[in-house]
N, C-alpha and C. Protein backbone atom coordinates (compact mmCIF):
# COMPACT_ATOMS: atom_id res chain seq x y z
N MET A 1 41.27 2.34 8.96
CA MET A 1 42.60 1.79 8.88
C MET A 1 43.00 1.52 7.43
N SER A 2 42.05 1.14 6.60
CA SER A 2 42.40 0.84 5.21
C SER A 2 42.92 2.08 4.48
N ILE A 3 42.44 3.24 4.82
CA ILE A 3 42.92 4.48 4.20
C ILE A 3 44.35 4.75 4.65
N ALA A 4 44.65 4.51 5.93
CA ALA A 4 45.98 4.77 6.46
C ALA A 4 47.05 3.95 5.75
N PHE A 5 46.71 2.75 5.31
CA PHE A 5 47.67 1.90 4.62
C PHE A 5 47.54 1.96 3.11
N GLY A 6 46.73 2.87 2.61
CA GLY A 6 46.62 3.06 1.16
C GLY A 6 45.82 2.01 0.45
N VAL A 7 44.96 1.29 1.17
CA VAL A 7 44.18 0.22 0.54
C VAL A 7 42.90 0.76 -0.08
N SER A 8 42.29 1.77 0.51
CA SER A 8 41.08 2.33 -0.10
C SER A 8 41.19 3.84 -0.17
N GLU A 9 40.37 4.40 -0.97
CA GLU A 9 40.36 5.85 -1.19
C GLU A 9 39.54 6.56 -0.12
N PRO A 10 40.00 7.71 0.31
CA PRO A 10 39.19 8.49 1.26
C PRO A 10 37.82 8.79 0.67
N GLY A 11 36.79 8.65 1.48
CA GLY A 11 35.44 8.93 1.05
C GLY A 11 34.73 7.77 0.36
N SER A 12 35.43 6.67 0.11
CA SER A 12 34.78 5.54 -0.53
C SER A 12 33.91 4.81 0.49
N ALA A 13 32.81 4.26 0.03
CA ALA A 13 31.87 3.59 0.93
C ALA A 13 32.39 2.23 1.39
N ARG A 14 33.14 1.56 0.55
CA ARG A 14 33.64 0.22 0.88
C ARG A 14 35.08 0.08 0.46
N SER A 15 35.77 -0.77 1.16
CA SER A 15 37.14 -1.09 0.79
C SER A 15 37.14 -2.26 -0.18
N PRO A 16 38.04 -2.25 -1.15
CA PRO A 16 38.16 -3.42 -2.03
C PRO A 16 38.76 -4.57 -1.23
N ARG A 17 38.64 -5.77 -1.77
CA ARG A 17 39.20 -6.93 -1.09
C ARG A 17 40.70 -6.96 -1.33
N LYS A 18 41.41 -6.42 -0.40
CA LYS A 18 42.87 -6.37 -0.42
C LYS A 18 43.35 -6.63 0.98
N SER A 19 44.61 -6.97 1.10
CA SER A 19 45.20 -7.06 2.43
C SER A 19 46.66 -6.66 2.36
N VAL A 20 47.21 -6.38 3.51
CA VAL A 20 48.61 -5.99 3.59
C VAL A 20 49.27 -6.82 4.68
N LEU A 21 50.52 -7.12 4.46
CA LEU A 21 51.34 -7.79 5.47
C LEU A 21 52.21 -6.71 6.08
N ILE A 22 52.06 -6.51 7.38
CA ILE A 22 52.75 -5.43 8.07
C ILE A 22 53.84 -6.05 8.95
N GLY A 23 55.04 -5.52 8.81
CA GLY A 23 56.18 -6.03 9.58
C GLY A 23 56.17 -5.53 11.01
N PRO A 24 57.07 -6.08 11.83
CA PRO A 24 57.14 -5.67 13.23
C PRO A 24 57.42 -4.18 13.42
N ASP A 25 58.02 -3.55 12.41
CA ASP A 25 58.32 -2.12 12.51
C ASP A 25 57.13 -1.24 12.12
N GLY A 26 56.00 -1.88 11.77
CA GLY A 26 54.80 -1.13 11.39
C GLY A 26 54.75 -0.72 9.94
N LYS A 27 55.73 -1.13 9.14
CA LYS A 27 55.76 -0.79 7.72
C LYS A 27 55.14 -1.91 6.89
N VAL A 28 54.51 -1.52 5.80
CA VAL A 28 53.91 -2.50 4.89
C VAL A 28 55.02 -3.25 4.17
N VAL A 29 54.99 -4.57 4.29
CA VAL A 29 55.99 -5.43 3.66
C VAL A 29 55.50 -5.89 2.29
N ILE A 30 54.25 -6.34 2.23
CA ILE A 30 53.65 -6.83 0.98
C ILE A 30 52.21 -6.33 0.91
N THR A 31 51.79 -5.92 -0.27
CA THR A 31 50.40 -5.57 -0.52
C THR A 31 49.81 -6.63 -1.44
N TYR A 32 48.70 -7.19 -1.05
CA TYR A 32 48.00 -8.18 -1.86
C TYR A 32 46.81 -7.46 -2.50
N ASP A 33 46.91 -7.19 -3.80
CA ASP A 33 45.86 -6.44 -4.48
C ASP A 33 44.66 -7.28 -4.87
N LYS A 34 44.87 -8.55 -5.11
CA LYS A 34 43.76 -9.45 -5.47
C LYS A 34 43.77 -10.60 -4.48
N VAL A 35 42.73 -10.67 -3.68
CA VAL A 35 42.66 -11.68 -2.63
C VAL A 35 41.55 -12.67 -2.94
N THR A 36 41.90 -13.94 -2.95
CA THR A 36 40.94 -15.02 -3.08
C THR A 36 40.86 -15.69 -1.72
N PRO A 37 39.73 -15.63 -1.04
CA PRO A 37 39.65 -16.14 0.32
C PRO A 37 40.14 -17.58 0.50
N ALA A 38 39.90 -18.42 -0.45
CA ALA A 38 40.33 -19.82 -0.31
C ALA A 38 41.85 -19.98 -0.39
N ASP A 39 42.52 -19.12 -1.14
CA ASP A 39 43.96 -19.26 -1.37
C ASP A 39 44.81 -18.33 -0.50
N HIS A 40 44.23 -17.26 -0.03
CA HIS A 40 45.01 -16.21 0.60
C HIS A 40 45.76 -16.64 1.87
N PRO A 41 45.15 -17.39 2.77
CA PRO A 41 45.90 -17.77 3.98
C PRO A 41 47.20 -18.52 3.66
N GLY A 42 47.15 -19.43 2.71
CA GLY A 42 48.34 -20.17 2.32
C GLY A 42 49.40 -19.26 1.71
N GLN A 43 48.94 -18.29 0.94
CA GLN A 43 49.86 -17.33 0.31
C GLN A 43 50.58 -16.51 1.39
N VAL A 44 49.84 -16.06 2.39
CA VAL A 44 50.44 -15.27 3.47
C VAL A 44 51.43 -16.13 4.26
N ILE A 45 51.06 -17.36 4.55
CA ILE A 45 51.97 -18.25 5.28
C ILE A 45 53.24 -18.49 4.50
N ASP A 46 53.13 -18.71 3.19
CA ASP A 46 54.31 -18.90 2.36
C ASP A 46 55.20 -17.65 2.39
N ASP A 47 54.59 -16.48 2.32
CA ASP A 47 55.36 -15.23 2.35
C ASP A 47 56.04 -15.04 3.71
N LEU A 48 55.34 -15.38 4.78
CA LEU A 48 55.94 -15.28 6.11
C LEU A 48 57.11 -16.26 6.26
N ASP A 49 56.95 -17.47 5.75
CA ASP A 49 58.04 -18.45 5.80
C ASP A 49 59.25 -17.96 5.03
N GLY A 50 59.02 -17.27 3.91
CA GLY A 50 60.12 -16.75 3.10
C GLY A 50 60.85 -15.59 3.76
N MET A 51 60.23 -14.97 4.74
CA MET A 51 60.84 -13.83 5.42
C MET A 51 61.77 -14.27 6.56
N CYS A 52 61.61 -15.50 6.98
CA CYS A 52 62.42 -15.99 8.14
C CYS A 52 63.80 -16.44 7.71
């Protein structure tokens, strides 16, 4: 799935720590290139709140 959304390269052994926010239409809304596990959930919630 990470290759389908452009997060990792085909043939790579591991995906980098990235995430994407996908809208109801299945399109990528935001790409998070640098993810810090402690901060990321709050960042996603803030972005979701800003979309409403």
